[in-house]
Amino acid sequence: MIELAVVLSRLVQYIGAAVLFGSPLFCLYGLASGGLAGTWQRRLALFGGVIVVVGSALALLAQTAMMAGSAADAFVPATLTMVATGTQFGLSLVVRLAAGLVAVIVVVTTRPSLPLWWAASGLGAVALGSFAWSGHGADGAGVIGAFKLLADIVHLLAAGLWLGALAALAALVFGARATTEAQLRQLHQALEGFSGVGSLVVALLVLTGLVNVWFLVGPSRFGSAASTVWGEALVAKIVVFGLMLSLAALNRFMLTPRLRRDMASGRTSSALAALQRSLALESAAGFTVLALVSWLGTLVPPAAL
């Protein structure tokens, strides 16, 4: 039960950090005038910050219970303090919790603006990057250790860029039922804006993913890695990632041009419904990837066996 709580708290943190990082950043490159005309962007950033705070607090309790061997010990102040300040995992949680709290305060007290999006996204980047500090990528020393850590951080940021943008696009698409011409133009511009960034994101995810697999599996264990629980979870993650790529390609090369054509003819309901279905599936796939990553973080990789 405690192990499940650890996985779920990691999942909540991943979701919050990805939204906090990627959604405000999407406002800067994907929306006209930086997305200052609406309020949903601010609510999305606030959601990300709150979820980071909640997830980090739950993770601290769950990890303390696991280390102490009892759920009751998770509520002992001295034990909580020891885990929070005396372990690398605890320190990364404190950083994440602080980033989330500051983000909530900044979003609540600041009007929608370009500086707000930059600040929220920067705090989201801190929250995401802190996962690498307590993960398998932090193992190692010297130049190789620094390279592993950097690859892990870039992988996390690239994933957050994609998933945060996906959250923003879903908010646009599912909020566009009572569509106006201006809303449809904004939606089409947002889809076009992410298409170029998406290519960079995929390239970074693939390259850094290969680096991470090389170090976590080890050259001598590639043949047997798939027979381990860690390897099976990794294969499942790759399969779901492939599904996300397919859906993203469908959106970019078929559904977005279709929306543009339908806008010209005045018939958009069919294209909008197709985009809603595709983004719902892509969001579900993204959630599944994060769930698998949360589980993978609790398993021992083949290189450490």
C-alpha atoms as a PDB file:
ATOM      1  CA  MET A   1       0.000   0.000   0.000  1.00  0.00           C
ATOM      2  CA  ILE A   2       2.816   2.411   0.859  1.00  0.00           C
ATOM      3  CA  GLU A   3       4.582   1.551  -2.413  1.00  0.00           C
ATOM      4  CA  LEU A   4       1.404   2.411  -4.327  1.00  0.00           C
ATOM      5  CA  ALA A   5       1.189   5.729  -2.468  1.00  0.00           C
ATOM      6  CA  VAL A   6       4.771   6.528  -3.528  1.00  0.00           C
ATOM      7  CA  VAL A   7       3.974   5.818  -7.192  1.00  0.00           C
ATOM      8  CA  LEU A   8       0.741   7.835  -7.114  1.00  0.00           C
ATOM      9  CA  SER A   9       2.405  10.804  -5.423  1.00  0.00           C
ATOM     10  CA  ARG A  10       5.121  10.778  -8.093  1.00  0.00           C
ATOM     11  CA  LEU A  11       2.437  10.730 -10.780  1.00  0.00           C
ATOM     12  CA  VAL A  12       0.665  13.733  -9.236  1.00  0.00           C
ATOM     13  CA  GLN A  13       3.943  15.649  -9.088  1.00  0.00           C
ATOM     14  CA  TYR A  14       4.824  14.841 -12.699  1.00  0.00           C
ATOM     15  CA  ILE A  15       1.418  16.056 -13.887  1.00  0.00           C
ATOM     16  CA  GLY A  16       1.625  19.281 -11.899  1.00  0.00           C
ATOM     17  CA  ALA A  17       5.214  20.074 -12.890  1.00  0.00           C
ATOM     18  CA  ALA A  18       4.547  19.384 -16.589  1.00  0.00           C
ATOM     19  CA  VAL A  19       1.493  21.655 -16.612  1.00  0.00           C
ATOM     20  CA  LEU A  20       3.277  24.371 -14.625  1.00  0.00           C
ATOM     21  CA  PHE A  21       6.241  24.342 -17.010  1.00  0.00           C
ATOM     22  CA  GLY A  22       4.725  23.623 -20.407  1.00  0.00           C
ATOM     23  CA  SER A  23       1.402  25.486 -20.324  1.00  0.00           C
ATOM     24  CA  PRO A  24       2.706  29.015 -19.553  1.00  0.00           C
ATOM     25  CA  LEU A  25       5.522  28.459 -22.030  1.00  0.00           C
ATOM     26  CA  PHE A  26       2.933  27.531 -24.649  1.00  0.00           C
ATOM     27  CA  CYS A  27       1.299  30.940 -24.110  1.00  0.00           C
ATOM     28  CA  LEU A  28       4.567  32.594 -25.153  1.00  0.00           C
ATOM     29  CA  TYR A  29       5.106  30.762 -28.440  1.00  0.00           C
ATOM     30  CA  GLY A  30       1.706  29.313 -29.341  1.00  0.00           C
ATOM     31  CA  LEU A  31      -0.861  32.032 -28.644  1.00  0.00           C
ATOM     32  CA  ALA A  32      -1.364  35.462 -30.153  1.00  0.00           C
ATOM     33  CA  SER A  33      -0.219  38.316 -27.891  1.00  0.00           C
ATOM     34  CA  GLY A  34       1.122  35.791 -25.398  1.00  0.00           C
ATOM     35  CA  GLY A  35      -2.356  34.553 -24.425  1.00  0.00           C
ATOM     36  CA  LEU A  36      -3.159  37.654 -22.392  1.00  0.00           C
ATOM     37  CA  ALA A  37      -6.778  37.943 -23.505  1.00  0.00           C
ATOM     38  CA  GLY A  38      -8.160  34.936 -21.605  1.00  0.00           C
ATOM     39  CA  THR A  39      -8.232  33.622 -18.028  1.00  0.00           C
ATOM     40  CA  TRP A  40      -7.961  29.867 -18.578  1.00  0.00           C
ATOM     41  CA  GLN A  41      -4.185  30.165 -19.020  1.00  0.00           C
ATOM     42  CA  ARG A  42      -3.835  31.550 -15.517  1.00  0.00           C
ATOM     43  CA  ARG A  43      -6.108  28.855 -14.072  1.00  0.00           C
ATOM     44  CA  LEU A  44      -4.043  26.169 -15.776  1.00  0.00           C
ATOM     45  CA  ALA A  45      -0.801  27.540 -14.310  1.00  0.00           C
ATOM     46  CA  LEU A  46      -2.438  27.743 -10.884  1.00  0.00           C
ATOM     47  CA  PHE A  47      -3.611  24.148 -11.227  1.00  0.00           C
ATOM     48  CA  GLY A  48      -0.052  23.058 -11.987  1.00  0.00           C
ATOM     49  CA  GLY A  49       1.368  24.852  -8.967  1.00  0.00           C
ATOM     50  CA  VAL A  50      -1.256  23.508  -6.579  1.00  0.00           C
ATOM     51  CA  ILE A  51      -0.799  19.950  -7.838  1.00  0.00           C
ATOM     52  CA  VAL A  52       2.979  20.207  -7.404  1.00  0.00           C
ATOM     53  CA  VAL A  53       2.496  21.307  -3.791  1.00  0.00           C
ATOM     54  CA  VAL A  54      -0.053  18.582  -3.020  1.00  0.00           C
ATOM     55  CA  GLY A  55       1.972  15.875  -4.756  1.00  0.00           C
ATOM     56  CA  SER A  56       5.220  16.882  -3.045  1.00  0.00           C
ATOM     57  CA  ALA A  57       3.601  16.860   0.395  1.00  0.00           C
ATOM     58  CA  LEU A  58       2.059  13.441  -0.249  1.00  0.00           C
ATOM     59  CA  ALA A  59       5.375  12.132  -1.576  1.00  0.00           C
ATOM     60  CA  LEU A  60       7.200  13.273   1.549  1.00  0.00           C
ATOM     61  CA  LEU A  61       4.687  11.452   3.744  1.00  0.00           C
ATOM     62  CA  ALA A  62       4.740   8.302   1.599  1.00  0.00           C
ATOM     63  CA  GLN A  63       8.539   8.157   1.336  1.00  0.00           C
ATOM     64  CA  THR A  64       8.923   8.756   5.071  1.00  0.00           C
ATOM     65  CA  ALA A  65       6.488   5.921   5.771  1.00  0.00           C
ATOM     66  CA  MET A  66       8.425   3.626   3.431  1.00  0.00           C
ATOM     67  CA  MET A  67      11.803   4.472   4.971  1.00  0.00           C
ATOM     68  CA  ALA A  68      10.516   4.228   8.538  1.00  0.00           C
ATOM     69  CA  GLY A  69       8.550   1.054   7.820  1.00  0.00           C
ATOM     70  CA  SER A  70       5.292   2.394   9.244  1.00  0.00           C
ATOM     71  CA  ALA A  71       2.587   4.731   7.988  1.00  0.00           C
ATOM     72  CA  ALA A  72       2.220   6.218  11.470  1.00  0.00           C
ATOM     73  CA  ASP A  73       5.871   7.330  11.472  1.00  0.00           C
ATOM     74  CA  ALA A  74       5.175   9.533   8.449  1.00  0.00           C
ATOM     75  CA  PHE A  75       3.393  11.970  10.775  1.00  0.00           C
ATOM     76  CA  VAL A  76       6.202  12.200  13.333  1.00  0.00           C
ATOM     77  CA  PRO A  77       7.809  15.653  12.876  1.00  0.00           C
ATOM     78  CA  ALA A  78      11.330  14.463  13.702  1.00  0.00           C
ATOM     79  CA  THR A  79      11.145  11.641  11.164  1.00  0.00           C
ATOM     80  CA  LEU A  80       9.715  13.930   8.488  1.00  0.00           C
ATOM     81  CA  THR A  81      12.471  16.471   9.120  1.00  0.00           C
ATOM     82  CA  MET A  82      15.141  13.785   8.902  1.00  0.00           C
ATOM     83  CA  VAL A  83      13.881  12.582   5.517  1.00  0.00           C
ATOM     84  CA  ALA A  84      13.336  16.121   4.180  1.00  0.00           C
ATOM     85  CA  THR A  85      16.768  17.473   5.143  1.00  0.00           C
ATOM     86  CA  GLY A  86      18.946  14.403   5.476  1.00  0.00           C
ATOM     87  CA  THR A  87      18.366  12.632   2.171  1.00  0.00           C
ATOM     88  CA  GLN A  88      18.861  13.642  -1.442  1.00  0.00           C
ATOM     89  CA  PHE A  89      15.315  12.555  -2.212  1.00  0.00           C
ATOM     90  CA  GLY A  90      13.962  14.707   0.605  1.00  0.00           C
ATOM     91  CA  LEU A  91      15.915  17.766  -0.468  1.00  0.00           C
ATOM     92  CA  SER A  92      14.615  17.446  -4.022  1.00  0.00           C
ATOM     93  CA  LEU A  93      11.081  17.240  -2.620  1.00  0.00           C
ATOM     94  CA  VAL A  94      11.642  20.391  -0.580  1.00  0.00           C
ATOM     95  CA  VAL A  95      12.849  22.196  -3.710  1.00  0.00           C
ATOM     96  CA  ARG A  96       9.786  20.996  -5.616  1.00  0.00           C
ATOM     97  CA  LEU A  97       7.431  21.985  -2.812  1.00  0.00           C
ATOM     98  CA  ALA A  98       9.008  25.447  -2.580  1.00  0.00           C
ATOM     99  CA  ALA A  99       8.790  25.932  -6.369  1.00  0.00           C
ATOM    100  CA  GLY A 100       5.119  24.980  -6.317  1.00  0.00           C
ATOM    101  CA  LEU A 101       4.314  27.293  -3.403  1.00  0.00           C
ATOM    102  CA  VAL A 102       6.083  30.253  -5.011  1.00  0.00           C
ATOM    103  CA  ALA A 103       4.289  29.522  -8.287  1.00  0.00           C
ATOM    104  CA  VAL A 104       0.885  29.542  -6.560  1.00  0.00           C
ATOM    105  CA  ILE A 105       1.663  32.867  -4.876  1.00  0.00           C
ATOM    106  CA  VAL A 106       2.944  34.433  -8.095  1.00  0.00           C
ATOM    107  CA  VAL A 107      -0.003  33.268 -10.185  1.00  0.00           C
ATOM    108  CA  VAL A 108      -2.589  34.370  -7.611  1.00  0.00           C
ATOM    109  CA  THR A 109      -1.056  37.823  -7.111  1.00  0.00           C
ATOM    110  CA  THR A 110      -0.118  38.651 -10.715  1.00  0.00           C
ATOM    111  CA  ARG A 111      -2.295  39.509 -13.684  1.00  0.00           C
ATOM    112  CA  PRO A 112      -1.874  37.516 -16.903  1.00  0.00           C
ATOM    113  CA  SER A 113       1.247  38.890 -18.548  1.00  0.00           C
ATOM    114  CA  LEU A 114       4.389  37.756 -20.333  1.00  0.00           C
ATOM    115  CA  PRO A 115       6.477  38.085 -17.123  1.00  0.00           C
ATOM    116  CA  LEU A 116       3.947  35.868 -15.323  1.00  0.00           C
ATOM    117  CA  TRP A 117       4.225  33.140 -17.967  1.00  0.00           C
ATOM    118  CA  TRP A 118       8.041  33.315 -17.831  1.00  0.00           C
ATOM    119  CA  ALA A 119       8.042  33.153 -14.020  1.00  0.00           C
ATOM    120  CA  ALA A 120       5.560  30.271 -13.831  1.00  0.00           C
ATOM    121  CA  SER A 121       7.378  28.321 -16.530  1.00  0.00           C
ATOM    122  CA  GLY A 122      10.729  28.897 -14.812  1.00  0.00           C
ATOM    123  CA  LEU A 123       9.375  27.576 -11.529  1.00  0.00           C
ATOM    124  CA  GLY A 124       7.931  24.612 -13.404  1.00  0.00           C
ATOM    125  CA  ALA A 125      11.378  23.959 -14.897  1.00  0.00           C
ATOM    126  CA  VAL A 126      12.851  23.907 -11.372  1.00  0.00           C
ATOM    127  CA  ALA A 127      10.168  21.450 -10.258  1.00  0.00           C
ATOM    128  CA  LEU A 128      10.788  19.170 -13.237  1.00  0.00           C
ATOM    129  CA  GLY A 129      14.559  19.355 -13.032  1.00  0.00           C
ATOM    130  CA  SER A 130      14.514  18.416  -9.355  1.00  0.00           C
ATOM    131  CA  PHE A 131      13.241  14.941 -10.278  1.00  0.00           C
ATOM    132  CA  ALA A 132      16.596  14.220 -11.942  1.00  0.00           C
ATOM    133  CA  TRP A 133      18.402  15.135  -8.740  1.00  0.00           C
ATOM    134  CA  SER A 134      16.701  12.295  -6.866  1.00  0.00           C
ATOM    135  CA  GLY A 135      16.375   9.799  -9.724  1.00  0.00           C
ATOM    136  CA  HIS A 136      18.638   7.230 -11.335  1.00  0.00           C
ATOM    137  CA  GLY A 137      20.177   9.973 -13.487  1.00  0.00           C
ATOM    138  CA  ALA A 138      21.831  11.428 -10.393  1.00  0.00           C
ATOM    139  CA  ASP A 139      23.945   8.296  -9.898  1.00  0.00           C
ATOM    140  CA  GLY A 140      27.558   8.635 -10.903  1.00  0.00           C
ATOM    141  CA  ALA A 141      30.339  11.159 -10.525  1.00  0.00           C
ATOM    142  CA  GLY A 142      32.646  13.263 -12.659  1.00  0.00           C
ATOM    143  CA  VAL A 143      32.023  14.128 -16.274  1.00  0.00           C
ATOM    144  CA  ILE A 144      29.945  11.005 -16.962  1.00  0.00           C
ATOM    145  CA  GLY A 145      27.750  11.666 -13.940  1.00  0.00           C
ATOM    146  CA  ALA A 146      27.188  15.270 -15.025  1.00  0.00           C
ATOM    147  CA  PHE A 147      26.347  14.108 -18.559  1.00  0.00           C
ATOM    148  CA  LYS A 148      23.786  11.605 -17.236  1.00  0.00           C
ATOM    149  CA  LEU A 149      22.217  14.248 -15.022  1.00  0.00           C
ATOM    150  CA  LEU A 150      22.039  16.764 -17.878  1.00  0.00           C
ATOM    151  CA  ALA A 151      20.445  14.201 -20.213  1.00  0.00           C
ATOM    152  CA  ASP A 152      17.850  13.363 -17.568  1.00  0.00           C
ATOM    153  CA  ILE A 153      17.000  17.043 -16.999  1.00  0.00           C
ATOM    154  CA  VAL A 154      16.654  17.721 -20.736  1.00  0.00           C
ATOM    155  CA  HIS A 155      14.449  14.626 -21.083  1.00  0.00           C
ATOM    156  CA  LEU A 156      12.190  15.837 -18.271  1.00  0.00           C
ATOM    157  CA  LEU A 157      11.929  19.365 -19.688  1.00  0.00           C
ATOM    158  CA  ALA A 158      11.166  18.097 -23.200  1.00  0.00           C
ATOM    159  CA  ALA A 159       8.404  15.858 -21.822  1.00  0.00           C
ATOM    160  CA  GLY A 160       7.014  18.760 -19.801  1.00  0.00           C
ATOM    161  CA  LEU A 161       7.061  20.993 -22.871  1.00  0.00           C
ATOM    162  CA  TRP A 162       4.948  18.469 -24.794  1.00  0.00           C
ATOM    163  CA  LEU A 163       2.540  17.533 -22.010  1.00  0.00           C
ATOM    164  CA  GLY A 164       2.055  21.119 -20.845  1.00  0.00           C
ATOM    165  CA  ALA A 165       1.289  22.213 -24.402  1.00  0.00           C
ATOM    166  CA  LEU A 166      -1.091  19.274 -24.704  1.00  0.00           C
ATOM    167  CA  ALA A 167      -2.956  20.480 -21.612  1.00  0.00           C
ATOM    168  CA  ALA A 168      -3.229  23.973 -23.103  1.00  0.00           C
ATOM    169  CA  LEU A 169      -4.405  22.640 -26.473  1.00  0.00           C
ATOM    170  CA  ALA A 170      -6.987  20.441 -24.760  1.00  0.00           C
ATOM    171  CA  ALA A 171      -8.272  23.491 -22.866  1.00  0.00           C
ATOM    172  CA  LEU A 172      -8.604  25.348 -26.165  1.00  0.00           C
ATOM    173  CA  VAL A 173     -10.228  22.496 -28.078  1.00  0.00           C
ATOM    174  CA  PHE A 174     -12.699  21.411 -25.415  1.00  0.00           C
ATOM    175  CA  GLY A 175     -13.486  25.016 -24.560  1.00  0.00           C
ATOM    176  CA  ALA A 176     -14.364  25.788 -28.164  1.00  0.00           C
ATOM    177  CA  ARG A 177     -17.767  24.147 -28.327  1.00  0.00           C
ATOM    178  CA  ALA A 178     -19.589  27.464 -28.638  1.00  0.00           C
ATOM    179  CA  THR A 179     -17.151  28.483 -31.302  1.00  0.00           C
ATOM    180  CA  THR A 180     -16.658  31.895 -32.729  1.00  0.00           C
ATOM    181  CA  GLU A 181     -14.494  32.722 -35.683  1.00  0.00           C
ATOM    182  CA  ALA A 182     -11.936  34.356 -33.394  1.00  0.00           C
ATOM    183  CA  GLN A 183     -11.755  31.215 -31.179  1.00  0.00           C
ATOM    184  CA  LEU A 184     -11.216  28.999 -34.183  1.00  0.00           C
ATOM    185  CA  ARG A 185      -8.443  31.243 -35.502  1.00  0.00           C
ATOM    186  CA  GLN A 186      -6.776  31.130 -32.082  1.00  0.00           C
ATOM    187  CA  LEU A 187      -7.082  27.351 -31.992  1.00  0.00           C
ATOM    188  CA  HIS A 188      -5.635  26.948 -35.468  1.00  0.00           C
ATOM    189  CA  GLN A 189      -2.759  29.307 -34.664  1.00  0.00           C
ATOM    190  CA  ALA A 190      -2.034  27.370 -31.469  1.00  0.00           C
ATOM    191  CA  LEU A 191      -1.936  24.058 -33.342  1.00  0.00           C
ATOM    192  CA  GLU A 192       0.369  25.543 -35.966  1.00  0.00           C
ATOM    193  CA  GLY A 193       2.539  27.124 -33.263  1.00  0.00           C
ATOM    194  CA  PHE A 194       3.168  23.828 -31.534  1.00  0.00           C
ATOM    195  CA  SER A 195       3.915  21.898 -34.734  1.00  0.00           C
ATOM    196  CA  GLY A 196       7.426  23.307 -35.130  1.00  0.00           C
ATOM    197  CA  VAL A 197       8.232  23.059 -31.425  1.00  0.00           C
ATOM    198  CA  GLY A 198       6.899  19.508 -31.415  1.00  0.00           C
ATOM    199  CA  SER A 199       9.578  18.337 -33.847  1.00  0.00           C
ATOM    200  CA  LEU A 200      12.310  19.626 -31.529  1.00  0.00           C
ATOM    201  CA  VAL A 201      10.623  18.030 -28.530  1.00  0.00           C
ATOM    202  CA  VAL A 202      10.462  14.617 -30.190  1.00  0.00           C
ATOM    203  CA  ALA A 203      14.130  14.818 -31.227  1.00  0.00           C
ATOM    204  CA  LEU A 204      15.202  15.721 -27.678  1.00  0.00           C
ATOM    205  CA  LEU A 205      13.064  12.973 -26.132  1.00  0.00           C
ATOM    206  CA  VAL A 206      14.470  10.308 -28.451  1.00  0.00           C
ATOM    207  CA  LEU A 207      18.115  11.366 -28.048  1.00  0.00           C
ATOM    208  CA  THR A 208      18.039  11.792 -24.274  1.00  0.00           C
ATOM    209  CA  GLY A 209      15.922   8.661 -23.929  1.00  0.00           C
ATOM    210  CA  LEU A 210      18.609   6.648 -25.717  1.00  0.00           C
ATOM    211  CA  VAL A 211      21.251   8.130 -23.416  1.00  0.00           C
ATOM    212  CA  ASN A 212      19.234   7.243 -20.327  1.00  0.00           C
ATOM    213  CA  VAL A 213      18.589   3.692 -21.519  1.00  0.00           C
ATOM    214  CA  TRP A 214      22.297   3.202 -22.282  1.00  0.00           C
ATOM    215  CA  PHE A 215      23.285   4.103 -18.726  1.00  0.00           C
ATOM    216  CA  LEU A 216      20.346   2.476 -16.914  1.00  0.00           C
ATOM    217  CA  VAL A 217      20.489  -0.825 -18.805  1.00  0.00           C
ATOM    218  CA  GLY A 218      24.215  -1.126 -19.447  1.00  0.00           C
ATOM    219  CA  PRO A 219      25.841  -2.419 -22.652  1.00  0.00           C
ATOM    220  CA  SER A 220      26.138  -5.966 -21.325  1.00  0.00           C
ATOM    221  CA  ARG A 221      22.475  -6.268 -20.331  1.00  0.00           C
ATOM    222  CA  PHE A 222      20.612  -5.109 -23.428  1.00  0.00           C
ATOM    223  CA  GLY A 223      19.727  -8.669 -24.415  1.00  0.00           C
ATOM    224  CA  SER A 224      18.223  -9.593 -21.049  1.00  0.00           C
ATOM    225  CA  ALA A 225      16.736  -6.234 -20.023  1.00  0.00           C
ATOM    226  CA  ALA A 226      13.301  -6.972 -21.515  1.00  0.00           C
ATOM    227  CA  SER A 227      12.947 -10.003 -19.233  1.00  0.00           C
ATOM    228  CA  THR A 228      13.022  -7.819 -16.112  1.00  0.00           C
ATOM    229  CA  VAL A 229      10.049  -5.935 -14.656  1.00  0.00           C
ATOM    230  CA  TRP A 230      11.907  -2.676 -15.300  1.00  0.00           C
ATOM    231  CA  GLY A 231      12.447  -3.664 -18.933  1.00  0.00           C
ATOM    232  CA  GLU A 232       8.804  -4.636 -19.425  1.00  0.00           C
ATOM    233  CA  ALA A 233       7.689  -1.276 -18.027  1.00  0.00           C
ATOM    234  CA  LEU A 234      10.137   0.494 -20.342  1.00  0.00           C
ATOM    235  CA  VAL A 235       8.836  -1.393 -23.379  1.00  0.00           C
ATOM    236  CA  ALA A 236       5.276  -0.445 -22.407  1.00  0.00           C
ATOM    237  CA  LYS A 237       6.348   3.190 -22.120  1.00  0.00           C
ATOM    238  CA  ILE A 238       7.961   3.109 -25.568  1.00  0.00           C
ATOM    239  CA  VAL A 239       4.831   1.582 -27.115  1.00  0.00           C
ATOM    240  CA  VAL A 240       2.570   4.266 -25.596  1.00  0.00           C
ATOM    241  CA  PHE A 241       5.067   6.949 -26.627  1.00  0.00           C
ATOM    242  CA  GLY A 242       4.796   5.626 -30.183  1.00  0.00           C
ATOM    243  CA  LEU A 243       1.022   6.000 -29.956  1.00  0.00           C
ATOM    244  CA  MET A 244       1.452   9.607 -28.840  1.00  0.00           C
ATOM    245  CA  LEU A 245       3.733  10.255 -31.812  1.00  0.00           C
ATOM    246  CA  SER A 246       1.161   8.798 -34.182  1.00  0.00           C
ATOM    247  CA  LEU A 247      -1.625  10.951 -32.754  1.00  0.00           C
ATOM    248  CA  ALA A 248       0.574  14.065 -32.843  1.00  0.00           C
ATOM    249  CA  ALA A 249       1.380  13.362 -36.491  1.00  0.00           C
ATOM    250  CA  LEU A 250      -2.333  12.920 -37.221  1.00  0.00           C
ATOM    251  CA  ASN A 251      -3.065  16.288 -35.621  1.00  0.00           C
ATOM    252  CA  ARG A 252      -0.280  18.058 -37.470  1.00  0.00           C
ATOM    253  CA  PHE A 253      -0.562  16.635 -40.964  1.00  0.00           C
ATOM    254  CA  MET A 254      -4.278  15.840 -41.248  1.00  0.00           C
ATOM    255  CA  LEU A 255      -6.542  17.424 -38.643  1.00  0.00           C
ATOM    256  CA  THR A 256      -4.944  20.890 -38.464  1.00  0.00           C
ATOM    257  CA  PRO A 257      -5.025  21.381 -42.278  1.00  0.00           C
ATOM    258  CA  ARG A 258      -8.574  20.003 -42.242  1.00  0.00           C
ATOM    259  CA  LEU A 259      -9.583  22.612 -39.665  1.00  0.00           C
ATOM    260  CA  ARG A 260      -8.115  25.354 -41.882  1.00  0.00           C
ATOM    261  CA  ARG A 261     -10.055  24.104 -44.905  1.00  0.00           C
ATOM    262  CA  ASP A 262     -13.283  23.818 -42.926  1.00  0.00           C
ATOM    263  CA  MET A 263     -12.833  27.320 -41.538  1.00  0.00           C
ATOM    264  CA  ALA A 264     -12.647  28.627 -45.112  1.00  0.00           C
ATOM    265  CA  SER A 265     -15.894  26.850 -45.984  1.00  0.00           C
ATOM    266  CA  GLY A 266     -17.696  27.736 -42.766  1.00  0.00           C
ATOM    267  CA  ARG A 267     -18.127  24.114 -41.627  1.00  0.00           C
ATOM    268  CA  THR A 268     -15.962  23.351 -38.582  1.00  0.00           C
ATOM    269  CA  SER A 269     -17.978  20.988 -36.389  1.00  0.00           C
ATOM    270  CA  SER A 270     -16.587  17.819 -37.981  1.00  0.00           C
ATOM    271  CA  ALA A 271     -12.932  18.939 -37.823  1.00  0.00           C
ATOM    272  CA  LEU A 272     -13.348  20.179 -34.251  1.00  0.00           C
ATOM    273  CA  ALA A 273     -14.895  16.885 -33.131  1.00  0.00           C
ATOM    274  CA  ALA A 274     -12.019  14.952 -34.730  1.00  0.00           C
ATOM    275  CA  LEU A 275      -9.479  17.161 -32.940  1.00  0.00           C
ATOM    276  CA  GLN A 276     -11.276  16.637 -29.634  1.00  0.00           C
ATOM    277  CA  ARG A 277     -11.154  12.851 -30.039  1.00  0.00           C
ATOM    278  CA  SER A 278      -7.493  12.885 -31.064  1.00  0.00           C
ATOM    279  CA  LEU A 279      -6.388  15.171 -28.231  1.00  0.00           C
ATOM    280  CA  ALA A 280      -8.388  13.147 -25.702  1.00  0.00           C
ATOM    281  CA  LEU A 281      -6.562   9.987 -26.804  1.00  0.00           C
ATOM    282  CA  GLU A 282      -3.193  11.759 -26.822  1.00  0.00           C
ATOM    283  CA  SER A 283      -3.853  13.111 -23.327  1.00  0.00           C
ATOM    284  CA  ALA A 284      -4.780   9.623 -22.101  1.00  0.00           C
ATOM    285  CA  ALA A 285      -1.568   8.259 -23.641  1.00  0.00           C
ATOM    286  CA  GLY A 286       0.451  11.030 -21.978  1.00  0.00           C
ATOM    287  CA  PHE A 287      -1.125  10.188 -18.622  1.00  0.00           C
ATOM    288  CA  THR A 288      -0.222   6.523 -19.156  1.00  0.00           C
ATOM    289  CA  VAL A 289       3.387   7.429 -19.954  1.00  0.00           C
ATOM    290  CA  LEU A 290       3.637   9.461 -16.739  1.00  0.00           C
ATOM    291  CA  ALA A 291       2.125   6.585 -14.759  1.00  0.00           C
ATOM    292  CA  LEU A 292       4.721   4.190 -16.199  1.00  0.00           C
ATOM    293  CA  VAL A 293       7.536   6.664 -15.492  1.00  0.00           C
ATOM    294  CA  SER A 294       6.291   7.000 -11.906  1.00  0.00           C
ATOM    295  CA  TRP A 295       6.443   3.228 -11.546  1.00  0.00           C
ATOM    296  CA  LEU A 296       9.826   2.941 -13.269  1.00  0.00           C
ATOM    297  CA  GLY A 297      11.295   5.376 -10.747  1.00  0.00           C
ATOM    298  CA  THR A 298      10.590   2.888  -7.948  1.00  0.00           C
ATOM    299  CA  LEU A 299      12.161  -0.104  -9.754  1.00  0.00           C
ATOM    300  CA  VAL A 300      15.818  -1.084  -9.874  1.00  0.00           C
ATOM    301  CA  PRO A 301      17.236  -0.697 -13.431  1.00  0.00           C
ATOM    302  CA  PRO A 302      19.220  -3.585 -14.948  1.00  0.00           C
ATOM    303  CA  ALA A 303      22.541  -1.708 -14.681  1.00  0.00           C
ATOM    304  CA  ALA A 304      22.178  -1.667 -10.893  1.00  0.00           C
ATOM    305  CA  LEU A 305      21.500  -5.411 -10.565  1.00  0.00           C
END
